[in-house]
Amino acid sequence: MKKRGWAGVWAAALLASSCAVDNGLGGSLGEVFPLDVSRVEVYRNDEALQVTYYRNRGVFLDVVVRVAVALKDVDLKPGNKVVLEGEYAPFHPRTSVTHAPGGEPVRALPPVQKGELTLSGGGPVGTLTTGSFSMLFAAEGGDLGGGRTLNGSFNAMAVDAGFGPLP
């Protein structure tokens, strides 16, 4: 291959790697607890998508945040925006977010007042699933984080969150 050909290959590889989604969290919720992330797991079944952000902290493994989105009436595929606020059925929120630092009780965040999630790639079980979300929590409700914002990006293999064999 000519020098110019190799330069094109390297440029394409660099561009592709710069488009990769990093696992990370941000937003004003970081004023309530640290949003540092060690790893991310994505679970999926027909009923929900769950993205969990972990942080290693000595002998503890914190669940920094776990975002669970009900998929009833949602077409979850790359490029489609999923509205995170509201309910998928009466008294059943579309999205729930929790925080569980190692050695402490699980804490629920308030309902999502406004938010959206978009997949960049993947989605089905066994695929590299990438995407991002942003949300604003209601001022009332939950254990902490009222009126705060949270945004994140994720990049992980989607694992089957099936219910197992029926008895």
N, C-alpha and C. Protein backbone atom coordinates (compact mmCIF):
# COMPACT_ATOMS: atom_id res chain seq x y z
N MET A 1 0.85 -1.18 0.00
CA MET A 1 0.00 0.00 0.00
C MET A 1 0.89 1.24 0.00
N LYS A 2 0.50 2.23 -0.72
CA LYS A 2 1.26 3.48 -0.79
C LYS A 2 1.16 4.24 0.53
N LYS A 3 2.11 5.16 0.72
CA LYS A 3 2.08 5.98 1.94
C LYS A 3 0.75 6.67 2.11
N ARG A 4 0.23 7.20 1.01
CA ARG A 4 -1.04 7.92 1.09
C ARG A 4 -2.17 6.99 1.51
N GLY A 5 -2.12 5.75 1.06
CA GLY A 5 -3.15 4.77 1.43
C GLY A 5 -3.13 4.47 2.92
N TRP A 6 -1.92 4.28 3.49
CA TRP A 6 -1.80 4.03 4.92
C TRP A 6 -2.28 5.22 5.74
N ALA A 7 -1.98 6.42 5.25
CA ALA A 7 -2.42 7.63 5.96
C ALA A 7 -3.94 7.66 6.03
N GLY A 8 -4.60 7.25 4.98
CA GLY A 8 -6.07 7.21 4.98
C GLY A 8 -6.62 6.19 5.96
N VAL A 9 -5.96 5.02 6.02
CA VAL A 9 -6.38 3.98 6.96
C VAL A 9 -6.22 4.48 8.39
N TRP A 10 -5.08 5.09 8.71
CA TRP A 10 -4.85 5.62 10.06
C TRP A 10 -5.84 6.73 10.41
N ALA A 11 -6.12 7.58 9.45
CA ALA A 11 -7.07 8.67 9.70
C ALA A 11 -8.46 8.11 9.98
N ALA A 12 -8.85 7.09 9.23
CA ALA A 12 -10.17 6.47 9.45
C ALA A 12 -10.22 5.80 10.82
N ALA A 13 -9.13 5.11 11.20
CA ALA A 13 -9.10 4.45 12.51
C ALA A 13 -9.17 5.47 13.64
N LEU A 14 -8.45 6.58 13.49
CA LEU A 14 -8.48 7.63 14.50
C LEU A 14 -9.87 8.23 14.62
N LEU A 15 -10.51 8.48 13.51
CA LEU A 15 -11.87 9.03 13.52
C LEU A 15 -12.84 8.06 14.17
N ALA A 16 -12.74 6.79 13.84
CA ALA A 16 -13.64 5.79 14.43
C ALA A 16 -13.44 5.70 15.94
N SER A 17 -12.18 5.75 16.39
CA SER A 17 -11.95 5.65 17.84
C SER A 17 -12.41 6.91 18.56
N SER A 18 -12.38 8.05 17.90
CA SER A 18 -12.82 9.28 18.56
C SER A 18 -14.33 9.34 18.67
N CYS A 19 -15.04 8.53 17.89
CA CYS A 19 -16.50 8.51 17.94
C CYS A 19 -17.02 7.54 18.98
N ALA A 20 -16.14 6.72 19.56
CA ALA A 20 -16.56 5.75 20.56
C ALA A 20 -17.13 6.49 21.77
N VAL A 21 -18.16 5.90 22.34
CA VAL A 21 -18.81 6.49 23.50
C VAL A 21 -18.08 6.04 24.76
N ASP A 22 -17.70 6.98 25.60
CA ASP A 22 -17.08 6.65 26.87
C ASP A 22 -18.17 6.48 27.92
N ASN A 23 -17.87 5.68 28.93
CA ASN A 23 -18.79 5.52 30.05
C ASN A 23 -18.56 6.66 31.02
N GLY A 24 -19.57 7.45 31.27
CA GLY A 24 -19.40 8.56 32.19
C GLY A 24 -20.72 9.17 32.61
N LEU A 25 -20.66 9.90 33.71
CA LEU A 25 -21.82 10.59 34.26
C LEU A 25 -21.46 12.05 34.52
N GLY A 26 -22.45 12.92 34.46
CA GLY A 26 -22.27 14.32 34.78
C GLY A 26 -23.58 14.92 35.23
N GLY A 27 -23.57 16.19 35.51
CA GLY A 27 -24.78 16.89 35.95
C GLY A 27 -24.67 17.39 37.37
N SER A 28 -25.67 18.17 37.77
CA SER A 28 -25.65 18.77 39.10
C SER A 28 -25.85 17.76 40.22
N LEU A 29 -26.24 16.54 39.90
CA LEU A 29 -26.34 15.50 40.92
C LEU A 29 -24.97 15.22 41.55
N GLY A 30 -23.91 15.58 40.83
CA GLY A 30 -22.55 15.42 41.34
C GLY A 30 -22.27 16.28 42.57
N GLU A 31 -23.14 17.25 42.85
CA GLU A 31 -23.00 18.05 44.07
C GLU A 31 -23.55 17.31 45.29
N VAL A 32 -24.31 16.24 45.04
CA VAL A 32 -24.91 15.45 46.13
C VAL A 32 -24.05 14.24 46.45
N PHE A 33 -23.53 13.57 45.44
CA PHE A 33 -22.61 12.44 45.62
C PHE A 33 -21.70 12.34 44.39
N PRO A 34 -20.51 11.71 44.55
CA PRO A 34 -19.56 11.63 43.42
C PRO A 34 -20.14 10.82 42.26
N LEU A 35 -19.86 11.26 41.05
CA LEU A 35 -20.33 10.58 39.84
C LEU A 35 -19.20 9.85 39.13
N ASP A 36 -18.14 9.50 39.86
CA ASP A 36 -17.02 8.76 39.29
C ASP A 36 -17.48 7.34 38.95
N VAL A 37 -16.99 6.82 37.82
CA VAL A 37 -17.42 5.52 37.32
C VAL A 37 -16.22 4.62 37.06
N SER A 38 -16.30 3.35 37.53
CA SER A 38 -15.27 2.34 37.24
C SER A 38 -15.67 1.46 36.07
N ARG A 39 -16.96 1.10 36.01
CA ARG A 39 -17.45 0.26 34.92
C ARG A 39 -18.96 0.42 34.78
N VAL A 40 -19.47 -0.03 33.64
CA VAL A 40 -20.90 0.06 33.35
C VAL A 40 -21.40 -1.29 32.87
N GLU A 41 -22.60 -1.66 33.28
CA GLU A 41 -23.26 -2.87 32.80
C GLU A 41 -24.61 -2.49 32.21
N VAL A 42 -24.96 -3.15 31.11
CA VAL A 42 -26.25 -2.95 30.45
C VAL A 42 -27.00 -4.28 30.47
N TYR A 43 -28.21 -4.27 30.99
CA TYR A 43 -29.07 -5.45 31.00
C TYR A 43 -30.31 -5.15 30.18
N ARG A 44 -30.80 -6.19 29.51
CA ARG A 44 -31.94 -5.98 28.61
C ARG A 44 -32.83 -7.21 28.59
N ASN A 45 -34.13 -6.99 28.61
CA ASN A 45 -35.11 -8.02 28.29
C ASN A 45 -36.23 -7.33 27.53
N ASP A 46 -37.31 -8.04 27.26
CA ASP A 46 -38.41 -7.46 26.48
C ASP A 46 -39.10 -6.31 27.20
N GLU A 47 -38.98 -6.26 28.51
CA GLU A 47 -39.72 -5.28 29.29
C GLU A 47 -38.92 -4.06 29.72
N ALA A 48 -37.59 -4.16 29.76
CA ALA A 48 -36.81 -3.04 30.30
C ALA A 48 -35.38 -3.03 29.79
N LEU A 49 -34.79 -1.85 29.88
CA LEU A 49 -33.36 -1.64 29.68
C LEU A 49 -32.83 -1.08 31.00
N GLN A 50 -31.74 -1.65 31.49
CA GLN A 50 -31.15 -1.17 32.73
C GLN A 50 -29.67 -0.88 32.51
N VAL A 51 -29.25 0.32 32.87
CA VAL A 51 -27.85 0.72 32.76
C VAL A 51 -27.38 1.02 34.18
N THR A 52 -26.33 0.31 34.61
CA THR A 52 -25.81 0.47 35.96
C THR A 52 -24.37 0.95 35.91
N TYR A 53 -24.10 2.04 36.63
CA TYR A 53 -22.77 2.63 36.72
C TYR A 53 -22.19 2.28 38.09
N TYR A 54 -21.03 1.61 38.10
CA TYR A 54 -20.38 1.18 39.33
C TYR A 54 -19.12 2.00 39.58
N ARG A 55 -18.76 2.07 40.86
CA ARG A 55 -17.49 2.70 41.26
C ARG A 55 -16.85 1.83 42.33
N ASN A 56 -15.61 1.42 42.10
CA ASN A 56 -14.85 0.68 43.10
C ASN A 56 -14.36 1.68 44.14
N ARG A 57 -14.63 1.36 45.39
CA ARG A 57 -14.22 2.25 46.49
C ARG A 57 -13.68 1.39 47.62
N GLY A 58 -12.40 1.00 47.48
CA GLY A 58 -11.80 0.15 48.51
C GLY A 58 -12.49 -1.20 48.56
N VAL A 59 -13.00 -1.55 49.74
CA VAL A 59 -13.69 -2.83 49.88
C VAL A 59 -15.14 -2.74 49.41
N PHE A 60 -15.61 -1.55 49.07
CA PHE A 60 -16.99 -1.37 48.65
C PHE A 60 -17.10 -1.24 47.13
N LEU A 61 -18.21 -1.69 46.61
CA LEU A 61 -18.56 -1.47 45.21
C LEU A 61 -19.86 -0.67 45.22
N ASP A 62 -19.75 0.59 44.84
CA ASP A 62 -20.92 1.47 44.84
C ASP A 62 -21.69 1.32 43.55
N VAL A 63 -23.01 1.33 43.65
CA VAL A 63 -23.86 1.56 42.50
C VAL A 63 -24.05 3.07 42.48
N VAL A 64 -23.30 3.74 41.61
CA VAL A 64 -23.38 5.19 41.55
C VAL A 64 -24.80 5.58 41.15
N VAL A 65 -25.25 5.07 40.02
CA VAL A 65 -26.66 5.17 39.65
C VAL A 65 -27.05 3.96 38.82
N ARG A 66 -28.29 3.57 38.97
CA ARG A 66 -28.90 2.52 38.14
C ARG A 66 -30.12 3.16 37.49
N VAL A 67 -30.11 3.20 36.18
CA VAL A 67 -31.21 3.77 35.41
C VAL A 67 -31.97 2.63 34.78
N ALA A 68 -33.24 2.49 35.13
CA ALA A 68 -34.09 1.44 34.57
C ALA A 68 -35.22 2.10 33.77
N VAL A 69 -35.37 1.67 32.52
CA VAL A 69 -36.38 2.26 31.63
C VAL A 69 -37.32 1.17 31.17
N ALA A 70 -38.62 1.34 31.45
CA ALA A 70 -39.64 0.40 30.97
C ALA A 70 -39.81 0.59 29.47
N LEU A 71 -39.86 -0.52 28.73
CA LEU A 71 -39.89 -0.45 27.27
C LEU A 71 -41.27 -0.68 26.66
N LYS A 72 -42.30 -0.71 27.49
CA LYS A 72 -43.64 -0.88 26.93
C LYS A 72 -43.94 0.28 25.97
N ASP A 73 -44.37 -0.05 24.76
CA ASP A 73 -44.70 0.94 23.72
C ASP A 73 -43.51 1.78 23.29
N VAL A 74 -42.28 1.22 23.40
CA VAL A 74 -41.07 1.93 23.00
C VAL A 74 -40.36 1.12 21.92
N ASP A 75 -39.96 1.78 20.86
CA ASP A 75 -39.17 1.15 19.81
C ASP A 75 -37.71 1.47 20.08
N LEU A 76 -37.03 0.60 20.84
CA LEU A 76 -35.66 0.85 21.26
C LEU A 76 -34.70 0.35 20.19
N LYS A 77 -34.29 1.27 19.33
CA LYS A 77 -33.27 0.96 18.34
C LYS A 77 -32.46 2.22 18.10
N PRO A 78 -31.24 2.05 17.60
CA PRO A 78 -30.35 3.21 17.43
C PRO A 78 -31.01 4.35 16.66
N GLY A 79 -30.82 5.55 17.21
CA GLY A 79 -31.35 6.77 16.59
C GLY A 79 -32.70 7.20 17.13
N ASN A 80 -33.49 6.28 17.68
CA ASN A 80 -34.80 6.64 18.24
C ASN A 80 -34.62 7.22 19.64
N LYS A 81 -35.32 8.32 19.91
CA LYS A 81 -35.29 8.93 21.23
C LYS A 81 -36.38 8.32 22.10
N VAL A 82 -36.01 7.98 23.32
CA VAL A 82 -36.95 7.44 24.29
C VAL A 82 -37.20 8.52 25.33
N VAL A 83 -38.45 8.90 25.50
CA VAL A 83 -38.83 9.89 26.50
C VAL A 83 -38.80 9.20 27.87
N LEU A 84 -38.08 9.79 28.82
CA LEU A 84 -37.88 9.17 30.12
C LEU A 84 -38.89 9.59 31.18
N GLU A 85 -39.56 10.71 30.98
CA GLU A 85 -40.52 11.14 31.99
C GLU A 85 -41.86 10.45 31.77
N GLY A 86 -42.72 10.58 32.76
CA GLY A 86 -44.08 10.05 32.65
C GLY A 86 -44.18 8.60 33.11
N GLU A 87 -45.34 8.03 32.78
CA GLU A 87 -45.66 6.67 33.20
C GLU A 87 -45.97 5.81 31.98
N TYR A 88 -45.65 4.54 32.06
CA TYR A 88 -46.02 3.62 30.98
C TYR A 88 -47.36 2.96 31.28
N ALA A 89 -47.79 3.05 32.52
CA ALA A 89 -49.10 2.60 32.98
C ALA A 89 -49.41 3.42 34.23
N PRO A 90 -50.69 3.53 34.62
CA PRO A 90 -51.00 4.33 35.81
C PRO A 90 -50.17 3.90 37.03
N PHE A 91 -49.52 4.86 37.65
CA PHE A 91 -48.71 4.69 38.86
C PHE A 91 -47.43 3.88 38.64
N HIS A 92 -46.99 3.74 37.38
CA HIS A 92 -45.77 3.02 37.05
C HIS A 92 -44.88 3.93 36.20
N PRO A 93 -43.86 4.53 36.82
CA PRO A 93 -43.02 5.47 36.07
C PRO A 93 -42.26 4.78 34.93
N ARG A 94 -42.08 5.50 33.84
CA ARG A 94 -41.30 5.00 32.70
C ARG A 94 -39.86 4.72 33.13
N THR A 95 -39.32 5.61 33.98
CA THR A 95 -37.91 5.52 34.38
C THR A 95 -37.78 5.58 35.89
N SER A 96 -36.92 4.74 36.43
CA SER A 96 -36.56 4.86 37.84
C SER A 96 -35.04 4.91 37.95
N VAL A 97 -34.57 5.72 38.89
CA VAL A 97 -33.13 5.89 39.10
C VAL A 97 -32.85 5.70 40.58
N THR A 98 -31.85 4.88 40.88
CA THR A 98 -31.47 4.63 42.27
C THR A 98 -29.97 4.84 42.45
N HIS A 99 -29.58 5.02 43.71
CA HIS A 99 -28.19 5.20 44.13
C HIS A 99 -27.98 4.27 45.31
N ALA A 100 -26.90 3.45 45.27
CA ALA A 100 -26.66 2.49 46.35
C ALA A 100 -25.17 2.40 46.65
N PRO A 101 -24.67 3.31 47.50
CA PRO A 101 -23.26 3.21 47.87
C PRO A 101 -23.02 1.95 48.69
N GLY A 102 -21.87 1.31 48.47
CA GLY A 102 -21.55 0.09 49.21
C GLY A 102 -21.68 0.27 50.71
N GLY A 103 -22.35 -0.67 51.37
CA GLY A 103 -22.51 -0.62 52.81
C GLY A 103 -23.62 0.29 53.29
N GLU A 104 -24.38 0.89 52.37
CA GLU A 104 -25.48 1.79 52.74
C GLU A 104 -26.76 1.35 52.05
N PRO A 105 -27.91 1.84 52.52
CA PRO A 105 -29.17 1.45 51.88
C PRO A 105 -29.33 2.06 50.49
N VAL A 106 -30.18 1.42 49.69
CA VAL A 106 -30.52 1.93 48.36
C VAL A 106 -31.37 3.18 48.53
N ARG A 107 -31.08 4.20 47.74
CA ARG A 107 -31.84 5.46 47.79
C ARG A 107 -32.44 5.72 46.42
N ALA A 108 -33.73 6.04 46.42
CA ALA A 108 -34.43 6.36 45.17
C ALA A 108 -34.30 7.84 44.88
N LEU A 109 -34.10 8.17 43.61
CA LEU A 109 -34.09 9.56 43.19
C LEU A 109 -35.52 9.95 42.82
N PRO A 110 -35.84 11.23 42.79
CA PRO A 110 -37.20 11.66 42.47
C PRO A 110 -37.61 11.24 41.06
N PRO A 111 -38.89 11.34 40.76
CA PRO A 111 -39.33 11.03 39.39
C PRO A 111 -38.63 11.92 38.37
N VAL A 112 -38.45 11.40 37.17
CA VAL A 112 -37.85 12.18 36.10
C VAL A 112 -38.89 13.18 35.60
N GLN A 113 -38.56 14.45 35.70
CA GLN A 113 -39.47 15.50 35.25
C GLN A 113 -39.37 15.70 33.74
N LYS A 114 -38.16 15.60 33.23
CA LYS A 114 -37.92 15.74 31.79
C LYS A 114 -36.65 14.97 31.46
N GLY A 115 -36.67 14.23 30.34
CA GLY A 115 -35.47 13.51 29.96
C GLY A 115 -35.65 12.68 28.72
N GLU A 116 -34.51 12.29 28.14
CA GLU A 116 -34.55 11.41 26.98
C GLU A 116 -33.29 10.57 26.93
N LEU A 117 -33.42 9.40 26.29
CA LEU A 117 -32.33 8.47 26.10
C LEU A 117 -32.28 8.13 24.62
N THR A 118 -31.08 8.05 24.07
CA THR A 118 -30.91 7.67 22.67
C THR A 118 -29.81 6.64 22.56
N LEU A 119 -30.09 5.53 21.88
CA LEU A 119 -29.05 4.55 21.59
C LEU A 119 -28.30 5.00 20.35
N SER A 120 -26.98 4.83 20.37
CA SER A 120 -26.14 5.09 19.20
C SER A 120 -25.92 3.80 18.43
N GLY A 121 -25.95 2.68 19.15
CA GLY A 121 -25.72 1.39 18.52
C GLY A 121 -26.17 0.27 19.42
N GLY A 122 -26.40 -0.88 18.82
CA GLY A 122 -26.78 -2.07 19.58
C GLY A 122 -28.19 -2.01 20.10
N GLY A 123 -28.40 -2.61 21.26
CA GLY A 123 -29.72 -2.67 21.87
C GLY A 123 -30.10 -4.09 22.24
N PRO A 124 -30.11 -5.02 21.26
CA PRO A 124 -30.46 -6.40 21.60
C PRO A 124 -29.41 -7.07 22.48
N VAL A 125 -29.81 -8.12 23.18
CA VAL A 125 -28.90 -8.89 24.02
C VAL A 125 -27.76 -9.41 23.15
N GLY A 126 -26.55 -9.33 23.68
CA GLY A 126 -25.38 -9.84 22.98
C GLY A 126 -24.73 -8.84 22.03
N THR A 127 -25.23 -7.61 22.00
CA THR A 127 -24.63 -6.59 21.15
C THR A 127 -23.97 -5.52 22.00
N LEU A 128 -22.93 -4.90 21.43
CA LEU A 128 -22.32 -3.76 22.09
C LEU A 128 -23.33 -2.63 22.02
N THR A 129 -23.79 -2.19 23.18
CA THR A 129 -24.85 -1.20 23.25
C THR A 129 -24.27 0.12 23.73
N THR A 130 -24.45 1.15 22.91
CA THR A 130 -23.92 2.47 23.23
C THR A 130 -25.05 3.48 23.18
N GLY A 131 -24.92 4.52 23.97
CA GLY A 131 -25.94 5.57 23.95
C GLY A 131 -25.67 6.61 24.99
N SER A 132 -26.66 7.49 25.14
CA SER A 132 -26.55 8.56 26.12
C SER A 132 -27.94 8.95 26.59
N PHE A 133 -27.98 9.64 27.71
CA PHE A 133 -29.24 10.13 28.26
C PHE A 133 -29.00 11.44 28.99
N SER A 134 -30.08 12.16 29.21
CA SER A 134 -30.05 13.35 30.06
C SER A 134 -31.41 13.45 30.73
N MET A 135 -31.40 13.92 31.96
CA MET A 135 -32.67 14.02 32.69
C MET A 135 -32.61 15.10 33.77
N LEU A 136 -33.78 15.60 34.09
CA LEU A 136 -33.98 16.55 35.17
C LEU A 136 -34.94 15.89 36.14
N PHE A 137 -34.57 15.83 37.42
CA PHE A 137 -35.43 15.22 38.43
C PHE A 137 -36.41 16.24 38.99
N ALA A 138 -37.60 15.77 39.33
CA ALA A 138 -38.60 16.62 39.96
C ALA A 138 -38.04 17.15 41.29
N ALA A 139 -38.54 18.30 41.72
CA ALA A 139 -38.08 18.90 42.97
C ALA A 139 -38.54 18.11 44.18
N GLU A 140 -39.67 17.43 44.06
CA GLU A 140 -40.25 16.68 45.18
C GLU A 140 -40.17 15.18 44.92
N GLY A 141 -40.09 14.41 46.01
CA GLY A 141 -40.09 12.95 45.91
C GLY A 141 -38.69 12.39 46.00
N GLY A 142 -38.62 11.10 46.19
CA GLY A 142 -37.33 10.44 46.28
C GLY A 142 -36.62 10.73 47.58
N ASP A 143 -35.45 10.10 47.73
CA ASP A 143 -34.66 10.25 48.94
C ASP A 143 -33.63 11.37 48.85
N LEU A 144 -33.19 11.70 47.63
CA LEU A 144 -32.20 12.74 47.43
C LEU A 144 -32.17 13.12 45.95
N GLY A 145 -31.62 14.29 45.66
CA GLY A 145 -31.41 14.70 44.28
C GLY A 145 -32.53 15.52 43.66
N GLY A 146 -33.50 15.98 44.45
CA GLY A 146 -34.60 16.76 43.91
C GLY A 146 -34.14 18.01 43.17
N GLY A 147 -34.67 18.24 41.96
CA GLY A 147 -34.35 19.41 41.18
C GLY A 147 -32.99 19.36 40.50
N ARG A 148 -32.30 18.26 40.61
CA ARG A 148 -30.95 18.12 40.03
C ARG A 148 -31.02 17.51 38.64
N THR A 149 -29.88 17.59 37.92
CA THR A 149 -29.78 17.00 36.59
C THR A 149 -28.79 15.84 36.60
N LEU A 150 -28.95 14.94 35.64
CA LEU A 150 -28.05 13.81 35.46
C LEU A 150 -27.96 13.53 33.97
N ASN A 151 -26.75 13.37 33.48
CA ASN A 151 -26.56 12.95 32.10
C ASN A 151 -25.49 11.88 32.09
N GLY A 152 -25.55 11.03 31.09
CA GLY A 152 -24.58 9.96 31.03
C GLY A 152 -24.43 9.38 29.65
N SER A 153 -23.33 8.69 29.47
CA SER A 153 -23.09 7.93 28.25
C SER A 153 -22.67 6.53 28.67
N PHE A 154 -22.97 5.56 27.81
CA PHE A 154 -22.66 4.17 28.14
C PHE A 154 -22.22 3.41 26.91
N ASN A 155 -21.40 2.39 27.17
CA ASN A 155 -20.82 1.57 26.12
C ASN A 155 -20.51 0.23 26.77
N ALA A 156 -21.39 -0.77 26.59
CA ALA A 156 -21.21 -2.07 27.22
C ALA A 156 -21.99 -3.12 26.44
N MET A 157 -21.59 -4.37 26.61
CA MET A 157 -22.29 -5.48 25.98
C MET A 157 -23.62 -5.68 26.71
N ALA A 158 -24.72 -5.74 25.97
CA ALA A 158 -26.03 -5.96 26.57
C ALA A 158 -26.17 -7.42 27.01
N VAL A 159 -26.47 -7.61 28.27
CA VAL A 159 -26.59 -8.93 28.87
C VAL A 159 -28.07 -9.26 29.04
N ASP A 160 -28.41 -10.54 28.88
CA ASP A 160 -29.79 -10.97 29.02
C ASP A 160 -30.26 -10.82 30.46
N ALA A 161 -31.31 -10.07 30.65
CA ALA A 161 -31.92 -9.89 31.96
C ALA A 161 -33.22 -10.67 32.02
N GLY A 162 -33.23 -11.83 31.40
CA GLY A 162 -34.42 -12.67 31.35
C GLY A 162 -34.86 -13.09 32.74
N PHE A 163 -36.02 -13.67 32.76
CA PHE A 163 -36.61 -14.05 34.03
C PHE A 163 -36.28 -15.48 34.41
N GLY A 164 -35.55 -16.20 33.57
CA GLY A 164 -35.20 -17.59 33.85
C GLY A 164 -36.35 -18.51 33.53
N PRO A 165 -36.14 -19.80 33.75
CA PRO A 165 -37.20 -20.77 33.41
C PRO A 165 -38.39 -20.62 34.35
N LEU A 166 -39.56 -20.82 33.78
CA LEU A 166 -40.78 -20.76 34.58
C LEU A 166 -40.91 -22.04 35.40
N PRO A 167 -41.46 -21.94 36.62
CA PRO A 167 -41.60 -23.13 37.47
C PRO A 167 -42.65 -24.08 36.93
